[in-house]
Amino acid sequence: LVRMQFLQILSRKTRSLEMLFQIPFCQKQFPYTRLSTSACVYSKKKKGNSYEEVDQEKYKNLVHSVTSYKTSAQTPETILEEDNLLYGPPAKHRPPIKAGTKTPKNWVPLINPNKRILPLSSDSNVPMKIGLQRAKMPSVTRILQETLSPQQVFYLERWKQKMIEELGKAGFEEYTKNLFLQGELFHSALESIFLSEEKAAKEQVKDDVVAGYLSSVEHVLEDISEVKALESGVHHETLQYLGLVDCVAKYRGRLCVIDWKTSEKPKPFLQNTYDNPLQVAAYIGAINHDANYDFQVRCGLVVVAYKNGSPAHPHFMDPDLCSQYWNKWLLRLEEYMDK
């Protein structure tokens, strides 16, 4: 019976005979049909090589490296060579060229080297208040207004036109008038607080239009001490300009020119205050070159108060920052004088 089965197997096709000899020698078998299917795939017409369409001469080294190795034989050096061939040599990084910092022609130092500096004392509780001299000198405010950049003029005019469309011309005039009035009342209320050194002034204006502004700056007032001047006139004897300083006092132990501003929109950063830092720098320089003041100031503070009572933003200006804005102020002053 075994012999008959063996003869029957021998009489089958060659393919079955091959499978017979694979059985005892292969523990893991692969179906023959799968091999034949694979053979059919490879028997299809060979597609054209995409490398033949490449400019062989131009990319000779690259094509050779790709077609000559089954595994990547690239090194950092060969990658750089290929990149140079494909894209050219790498351009070295060059930092952006900054425009040369323009320096004022008539440069005057912010700190007066010839002025005698007396030690600051807190013996006198009465701040200085010198009347503004109405001499033939331009004010800081006027100089800044007449030297606005074209971009500043554009945004200011666009804001004005928008407000006129909403409120009408008469309504806009009334709006700006109220803004100035609120600013004056706010400064007067602060002056009363500093002079009285009591909370009575706060109580008197708690129901007033400036109550929100005072509530806004309450946390800033806690850091202010030794007020040296309030609403005091200053003039620069060398550069011939004048101004009215809001306050000179110590803020967290450092003597500053303090400028109080009101705003309906948040101004959390110093750059949001536009030309206010230049104004502060101009006042610092004027105080330092004004014989009426027996001290010099090196720091500034711009405080932006809000009508809704939200916490004010105090922007401190250290000596380095004040020096930067002082140079910008001198350029604006020269521009005004040239006009």
Foldseek 3Di string as FASTA:
>chain_A
DVVVVVVVQVPDDPVSVVVVVCVVVDPDDDDVVVVVVVVVVVVDDDDDDPCVVDPCVLCVVVVCQVPVDPDHPDDPVVVQVNCCSPPNHDDDDDPDDDDDDDFFPDDDDLADPPAAADDDDLPDLDADAADADPDPFAALVVLCVVLDDPVVVVVVVVVLVVVCVVQNPVRSVVVVVVQVVLVVVLLVLVVVCSNVVDCVSLVVCCVPQCVLQCLQCVVQVVQWDSWHHAQHKFAAPPLGYIYTFHTWTDGNRATAREDEAEDADDDQDPVSVPCVLLNRLVVQSRLSRGPVHNHHHQKYWYWYTYSNNHHIHIDIGGNVNSRVSPRVNSVSSVVSVVD
